[in-house]
PDB file of N, CA and C in Angstrom:
ATOM      1  N   MET A   1    -128.860 305.020 118.259  1.00  0.00           N
ATOM      2  CA  MET A   1    -129.196 303.734 118.966  1.00  0.00           C
ATOM      3  C   MET A   1    -128.076 303.285 119.777  1.00  0.00           C
ATOM      4  N   GLY A   2    -126.938 303.198 119.148  1.00  0.00           N
ATOM      5  CA  GLY A   2    -125.660 302.746 119.921  1.00  0.00           C
ATOM      6  C   GLY A   2    -125.377 303.493 121.189  1.00  0.00           C
ATOM      7  N   GLU A   3    -125.589 304.905 121.157  1.00  0.00           N
ATOM      8  CA  GLU A   3    -125.250 305.639 122.204  1.00  0.00           C
ATOM      9  C   GLU A   3    -126.274 305.461 123.423  1.00  0.00           C
ATOM     10  N   SER A   4    -127.501 305.215 123.149  1.00  0.00           N
ATOM     11  CA  SER A   4    -128.476 305.010 124.082  1.00  0.00           C
ATOM     12  C   SER A   4    -128.314 303.640 124.751  1.00  0.00           C
ATOM     13  N   VAL A   5    -127.819 302.664 124.062  1.00  0.00           N
ATOM     14  CA  VAL A   5    -127.535 301.293 124.660  1.00  0.00           C
ATOM     15  C   VAL A   5    -126.389 301.362 125.574  1.00  0.00           C
ATOM     16  N   ILE A   6    -125.359 302.201 125.165  1.00  0.00           N
ATOM     17  CA  ILE A   6    -124.191 302.424 126.126  1.00  0.00           C
ATOM     18  C   ILE A   6    -124.644 303.153 127.366  1.00  0.00           C
ATOM     19  N   MET A   7    -125.462 304.163 127.213  1.00  0.00           N
ATOM     20  CA  MET A   7    -125.845 304.920 128.358  1.00  0.00           C
ATOM     21  C   MET A   7    -126.808 304.247 129.329  1.00  0.00           C
ATOM     22  N   VAL A   8    -127.330 303.229 128.798  1.00  0.00           N
ATOM     23  CA  VAL A   8    -128.313 302.375 129.734  1.00  0.00           C
ATOM     24  C   VAL A   8    -127.509 301.191 130.242  1.00  0.00           C
ATOM     25  N   ALA A   9    -126.629 300.626 129.461  1.00  0.00           N
ATOM     26  CA  ALA A   9    -125.935 299.397 129.902  1.00  0.00           C
ATOM     27  C   ALA A   9    -124.854 299.759 131.028  1.00  0.00           C
ATOM     28  N   LEU A  10    -124.133 300.825 130.733  1.00  0.00           N
ATOM     29  CA  LEU A  10    -122.953 301.102 131.874  1.00  0.00           C
ATOM     30  C   LEU A  10    -123.630 301.444 133.249  1.00  0.00           C
ATOM     31  N   PRO A  11    -124.652 302.224 133.377  1.00  0.00           N
ATOM     32  CA  PRO A  11    -125.147 302.435 134.700  1.00  0.00           C
ATOM     33  C   PRO A  11    -125.667 301.177 135.250  1.00  0.00           C
ATOM     34  N   ALA A  12    -126.378 300.447 134.435  1.00  0.00           N
ATOM     35  CA  ALA A  12    -126.965 299.147 134.883  1.00  0.00           C
ATOM     36  C   ALA A  12    -125.836 298.266 135.421  1.00  0.00           C
ATOM     37  N   ILE A  13    -124.700 298.071 134.686  1.00  0.00           N
ATOM     38  CA  ILE A  13    -123.513 297.203 135.129  1.00  0.00           C
ATOM     39  C   ILE A  13    -123.033 297.744 136.430  1.00  0.00           C
ATOM     40  N   HIS A  14    -122.888 299.119 136.550  1.00  0.00           N
ATOM     41  CA  HIS A  14    -122.410 299.641 137.732  1.00  0.00           C
ATOM     42  C   HIS A  14    -123.329 299.404 139.023  1.00  0.00           C
ATOM     43  N   THR A  15    -124.598 299.538 138.763  1.00  0.00           N
ATOM     44  CA  THR A  15    -125.590 299.241 139.728  1.00  0.00           C
ATOM     45  C   THR A  15    -125.420 297.824 140.244  1.00  0.00           C
ATOM     46  N   ILE A  16    -125.450 296.904 139.369  1.00  0.00           N
ATOM     47  CA  ILE A  16    -125.191 295.532 139.708  1.00  0.00           C
ATOM     48  C   ILE A  16    -123.940 295.296 140.501  1.00  0.00           C
ATOM     49  N   ALA A  17    -122.862 295.849 140.016  1.00  0.00           N
ATOM     50  CA  ALA A  17    -121.520 295.707 140.789  1.00  0.00           C
ATOM     51  C   ALA A  17    -121.731 296.254 142.125  1.00  0.00           C
ATOM     52  N   VAL A  18    -122.311 297.385 142.333  1.00  0.00           N
ATOM     53  CA  VAL A  18    -122.385 297.859 143.653  1.00  0.00           C
ATOM     54  C   VAL A  18    -123.268 297.021 144.587  1.00  0.00           C
ATOM     55  N   TYR A  19    -124.363 296.482 144.206  1.00  0.00           N
ATOM     56  CA  TYR A  19    -125.127 295.624 144.877  1.00  0.00           C
ATOM     57  C   TYR A  19    -124.382 294.288 145.119  1.00  0.00           C
ATOM     58  N   ASP A  20    -123.571 293.930 144.201  1.00  0.00           N
ATOM     59  CA  ASP A  20    -122.816 292.677 144.290  1.00  0.00           C
ATOM     60  C   ASP A  20    -121.772 292.773 145.422  1.00  0.00           C
ATOM     61  N   GLY A  21    -121.106 293.970 145.465  1.00  0.00           N
ATOM     62  CA  GLY A  21    -120.175 294.260 146.562  1.00  0.00           C
ATOM     63  C   GLY A  21    -120.800 294.295 147.890  1.00  0.00           C
ATOM     64  N   ILE A  22    -121.912 294.921 148.008  1.00  0.00           N
ATOM     65  CA  ILE A  22    -122.605 294.910 149.344  1.00  0.00           C
ATOM     66  C   ILE A  22    -122.896 293.468 149.723  1.00  0.00           C
ATOM     67  N   ALA A  23    -123.532 292.745 148.902  1.00  0.00           N
ATOM     68  CA  ALA A  23    -123.832 291.308 149.168  1.00  0.00           C
ATOM     69  C   ALA A  23    -122.679 290.508 149.431  1.00  0.00           C
ATOM     70  N   PHE A  24    -121.546 290.693 148.815  1.00  0.00           N
ATOM     71  CA  PHE A  24    -120.392 289.935 149.034  1.00  0.00           C
ATOM     72  C   PHE A  24    -119.774 290.192 150.388  1.00  0.00           C
ATOM     73  N   GLY A  25    -119.845 291.570 150.793  1.00  0.00           N
ATOM     74  CA  GLY A  25    -119.292 291.899 152.120  1.00  0.00           C
ATOM     75  C   GLY A  25    -120.236 291.197 153.169  1.00  0.00           C
ATOM     76  N   GLY A  26    -121.411 291.083 153.032  1.00  0.00           N
ATOM     77  CA  GLY A  26    -122.310 290.419 154.005  1.00  0.00           C
ATOM     78  C   GLY A  26    -122.108 288.946 154.069  1.00  0.00           C
ATOM     79  N   LEU A  27    -121.824 288.321 152.971  1.00  0.00           N
ATOM     80  CA  LEU A  27    -121.765 286.867 152.836  1.00  0.00           C
ATOM     81  C   LEU A  27    -120.274 286.411 152.845  1.00  0.00           C
ATOM     82  N   MET A  28    -119.246 287.206 153.130  1.00  0.00           N
ATOM     83  CA  MET A  28    -118.030 286.876 153.190  1.00  0.00           C
ATOM     84  C   MET A  28    -117.627 285.817 154.089  1.00  0.00           C
ATOM     85  N   PRO A  29    -118.095 285.824 155.315  1.00  0.00           N
ATOM     86  CA  PRO A  29    -117.705 284.866 156.315  1.00  0.00           C
ATOM     87  C   PRO A  29    -118.231 283.366 155.805  1.00  0.00           C
ATOM     88  N   LEU A  30    -119.454 283.429 155.197  1.00  0.00           N
ATOM     89  CA  LEU A  30    -119.979 282.140 154.791  1.00  0.00           C
ATOM     90  C   LEU A  30    -119.111 281.528 153.581  1.00  0.00           C
ATOM     91  N   PHE A  31    -118.680 282.424 152.609  1.00  0.00           N
ATOM     92  CA  PHE A  31    -117.875 282.062 151.545  1.00  0.00           C
ATOM     93  C   PHE A  31    -116.534 281.352 152.117  1.00  0.00           C
ATOM     94  N   GLN A  32    -115.975 281.965 153.153  1.00  0.00           N
ATOM     95  CA  GLN A  32    -114.647 281.540 153.738  1.00  0.00           C
ATOM     96  C   GLN A  32    -114.867 280.183 154.269  1.00  0.00           C
ATOM     97  N   GLN A  33    -116.020 279.993 155.011  1.00  0.00           N
ATOM     98  CA  GLN A  33    -116.084 278.686 155.599  1.00  0.00           C
ATOM     99  C   GLN A  33    -116.411 277.653 154.570  1.00  0.00           C
ATOM    100  N   TYR A  34    -117.329 277.921 153.571  1.00  0.00           N
ATOM    101  CA  TYR A  34    -117.686 276.880 152.562  1.00  0.00           C
ATOM    102  C   TYR A  34    -116.584 276.479 151.634  1.00  0.00           C
ATOM    103  N   PHE A  35    -115.937 277.555 151.254  1.00  0.00           N
ATOM    104  CA  PHE A  35    -114.832 277.157 150.151  1.00  0.00           C
ATOM    105  C   PHE A  35    -113.542 277.104 150.790  1.00  0.00           C
ATOM    106  N   ASN A  36    -113.402 277.193 152.130  1.00  0.00           N
ATOM    107  CA  ASN A  36    -112.117 277.112 152.848  1.00  0.00           C
ATOM    108  C   ASN A  36    -110.997 278.001 152.324  1.00  0.00           C
ATOM    109  N   LYS A  37    -111.426 279.267 152.155  1.00  0.00           N
ATOM    110  CA  LYS A  37    -110.541 280.329 151.652  1.00  0.00           C
ATOM    111  C   LYS A  37    -109.929 281.130 152.924  1.00  0.00           C
ATOM    112  N   SER A  38    -108.699 281.599 152.654  1.00  0.00           N
ATOM    113  CA  SER A  38    -108.118 282.453 153.643  1.00  0.00           C
ATOM    114  C   SER A  38    -108.609 283.861 153.538  1.00  0.00           C
ATOM    115  N   ASP A  39    -108.148 284.739 154.420  1.00  0.00           N
ATOM    116  CA  ASP A  39    -108.481 286.056 154.339  1.00  0.00           C
ATOM    117  C   ASP A  39    -107.810 286.753 153.095  1.00  0.00           C
ATOM    118  N   SER A  40    -106.570 286.224 152.715  1.00  0.00           N
ATOM    119  CA  SER A  40    -106.047 286.949 151.595  1.00  0.00           C
ATOM    120  C   SER A  40    -106.651 286.580 150.377  1.00  0.00           C
ATOM    121  N   GLY A  41    -107.183 285.234 150.165  1.00  0.00           N
ATOM    122  CA  GLY A  41    -107.929 284.963 148.978  1.00  0.00           C
ATOM    123  C   GLY A  41    -109.197 285.709 148.776  1.00  0.00           C
ATOM    124  N   ILE A  42    -109.900 285.813 149.944  1.00  0.00           N
ATOM    125  CA  ILE A  42    -111.124 286.668 149.859  1.00  0.00           C
ATOM    126  C   ILE A  42    -110.857 288.139 149.547  1.00  0.00           C
ATOM    127  N   ALA A  43    -109.805 288.621 150.063  1.00  0.00           N
ATOM    128  CA  ALA A  43    -109.412 289.956 149.723  1.00  0.00           C
ATOM    129  C   ALA A  43    -109.033 290.195 148.250  1.00  0.00           C
ATOM    130  N   THR A  44    -108.453 289.186 147.652  1.00  0.00           N
ATOM    131  CA  THR A  44    -108.149 289.306 146.288  1.00  0.00           C
ATOM    132  C   THR A  44    -109.389 289.361 145.512  1.00  0.00           C
ATOM    133  N   ILE A  45    -110.363 288.494 145.877  1.00  0.00           N
ATOM    134  CA  ILE A  45    -111.613 288.495 145.095  1.00  0.00           C
ATOM    135  C   ILE A  45    -112.264 289.858 145.253  1.00  0.00           C
ATOM    136  N   LYS A  46    -112.387 290.301 146.449  1.00  0.00           N
ATOM    137  CA  LYS A  46    -112.997 291.665 146.692  1.00  0.00           C
ATOM    138  C   LYS A  46    -112.316 292.716 145.892  1.00  0.00           C
ATOM    139  N   THR A  47    -110.991 292.728 145.951  1.00  0.00           N
ATOM    140  CA  THR A  47    -110.190 293.829 145.250  1.00  0.00           C
ATOM    141  C   THR A  47    -110.461 293.720 143.751  1.00  0.00           C
ATOM    142  N   THR A  48    -110.497 292.627 143.155  1.00  0.00           N
ATOM    143  CA  THR A  48    -110.694 292.322 141.724  1.00  0.00           C
ATOM    144  C   THR A  48    -112.139 292.968 141.404  1.00  0.00           C
ATOM    145  N   GLY A  49    -113.203 292.672 142.258  1.00  0.00           N
ATOM    146  CA  GLY A  49    -114.477 293.243 142.000  1.00  0.00           C
ATOM    147  C   GLY A  49    -114.572 294.834 142.181  1.00  0.00           C
ATOM    148  N   ASP A  50    -113.777 295.283 143.065  1.00  0.00           N
ATOM    149  CA  ASP A  50    -113.599 296.718 143.168  1.00  0.00           C
ATOM    150  C   ASP A  50    -113.084 297.356 142.074  1.00  0.00           C
ATOM    151  N   ALA A  51    -111.972 296.767 141.494  1.00  0.00           N
ATOM    152  CA  ALA A  51    -111.260 297.212 140.370  1.00  0.00           C
ATOM    153  C   ALA A  51    -112.290 297.299 139.110  1.00  0.00           C
ATOM    154  N   CYS A  52    -113.047 296.223 138.986  1.00  0.00           N
ATOM    155  CA  CYS A  52    -114.031 296.208 137.886  1.00  0.00           C
ATOM    156  C   CYS A  52    -114.950 297.374 138.029  1.00  0.00           C
ATOM    157  N   THR A  53    -115.404 297.589 139.216  1.00  0.00           N
ATOM    158  CA  THR A  53    -116.312 298.619 139.513  1.00  0.00           C
ATOM    159  C   THR A  53    -115.701 300.057 139.047  1.00  0.00           C
ATOM    160  N   SER A  54    -114.525 300.254 139.504  1.00  0.00           N
ATOM    161  CA  SER A  54    -113.798 301.516 139.058  1.00  0.00           C
ATOM    162  C   SER A  54    -113.559 301.585 137.612  1.00  0.00           C
ATOM    163  N   ILE A  55    -113.326 300.521 136.893  1.00  0.00           N
ATOM    164  CA  ILE A  55    -113.199 300.556 135.450  1.00  0.00           C
ATOM    165  C   ILE A  55    -114.576 300.894 134.817  1.00  0.00           C
ATOM    166  N   THR A  56    -115.620 300.394 135.337  1.00  0.00           N
ATOM    167  CA  THR A  56    -116.999 300.660 134.721  1.00  0.00           C
ATOM    168  C   THR A  56    -117.290 302.143 134.912  1.00  0.00           C
ATOM    169  N   LEU A  57    -116.906 302.836 136.140  1.00  0.00           N
ATOM    170  CA  LEU A  57    -117.125 304.267 136.318  1.00  0.00           C
ATOM    171  C   LEU A  57    -116.348 305.016 135.354  1.00  0.00           C
ATOM    172  N   ILE A  58    -114.983 304.542 135.041  1.00  0.00           N
ATOM    173  CA  ILE A  58    -114.195 305.346 134.163  1.00  0.00           C
ATOM    174  C   ILE A  58    -114.747 305.188 132.771  1.00  0.00           C
ATOM    175  N   ALA A  59    -115.257 304.149 132.293  1.00  0.00           N
ATOM    176  CA  ALA A  59    -115.861 303.923 131.042  1.00  0.00           C
ATOM    177  C   ALA A  59    -117.042 304.839 130.883  1.00  0.00           C
ATOM    178  N   MET A  60    -117.891 304.932 131.870  1.00  0.00           N
ATOM    179  CA  MET A  60    -119.099 305.757 131.868  1.00  0.00           C
ATOM    180  C   MET A  60    -118.621 307.334 131.785  1.00  0.00           C
ATOM    181  N   TRP A  61    -117.597 307.658 132.417  1.00  0.00           N
ATOM    182  CA  TRP A  61    -117.173 309.078 132.257  1.00  0.00           C
ATOM    183  C   TRP A  61    -116.670 309.339 130.955  1.00  0.00           C
ATOM    184  N   LEU A  62    -115.834 308.414 130.404  1.00  0.00           N
ATOM    185  CA  LEU A  62    -115.329 308.580 129.036  1.00  0.00           C
ATOM    186  C   LEU A  62    -116.364 308.701 127.963  1.00  0.00           C
ATOM    187  N   PHE A  63    -117.263 307.641 127.990  1.00  0.00           N
ATOM    188  CA  PHE A  63    -118.381 307.658 126.972  1.00  0.00           C
ATOM    189  C   PHE A  63    -119.315 308.809 127.174  1.00  0.00           C
ATOM    190  N   GLY A  64    -119.572 309.299 128.341  1.00  0.00           N
ATOM    191  CA  GLY A  64    -120.239 310.533 128.639  1.00  0.00           C
ATOM    192  C   GLY A  64    -119.686 311.704 128.012  1.00  0.00           C
ATOM    193  N   ASP A  65    -118.302 311.881 128.114  1.00  0.00           N
ATOM    194  CA  ASP A  65    -117.586 312.993 127.592  1.00  0.00           C
ATOM    195  C   ASP A  65    -117.632 313.024 126.020  1.00  0.00           C
ATOM    196  N   PHE A  66    -117.528 311.870 125.400  1.00  0.00           N
ATOM    197  CA  PHE A  66    -117.462 311.857 123.945  1.00  0.00           C
ATOM    198  C   PHE A  66    -118.636 311.680 123.219  1.00  0.00           C
ATOM    199  N   LEU A  67    -119.751 311.316 123.773  1.00  0.00           N
ATOM    200  CA  LEU A  67    -121.060 311.324 123.069  1.00  0.00           C
ATOM    201  C   LEU A  67    -121.527 312.705 122.843  1.00  0.00           C
ATOM    202  N   PRO A  68    -122.243 312.869 121.619  1.00  0.00           N
ATOM    203  CA  PRO A  68    -122.668 314.215 121.375  1.00  0.00           C
ATOM    204  C   PRO A  68    -123.739 314.695 122.267  1.00  0.00           C
ATOM    205  N   LYS A  69    -123.798 316.018 122.645  1.00  0.00           N
ATOM    206  CA  LYS A  69    -124.783 316.532 123.486  1.00  0.00           C
ATOM    207  C   LYS A  69    -125.914 316.987 122.655  1.00  0.00           C
ATOM    208  N   LYS A  70    -127.094 316.940 123.195  1.00  0.00           N
ATOM    209  CA  LYS A  70    -128.352 317.430 122.456  1.00  0.00           C
ATOM    210  C   LYS A  70    -128.600 318.836 122.794  1.00  0.00           C
TER     211      LYS A  70
END
């Protein structure tokens, strides 16, 4: 049961993160205007999101390697 939850949850988290990154890229100018953020502040937020996406991919790879194969 636990393995199936992991193998469903991690790809779902990754999919949401990818869609979030695409939406954030399109809405970035609006965020800058509304929150009065500089380019460096927005870049920090974007970089943090990309790092989370990378960590999710690494976790998927590691769990996929260590789960027993059928």
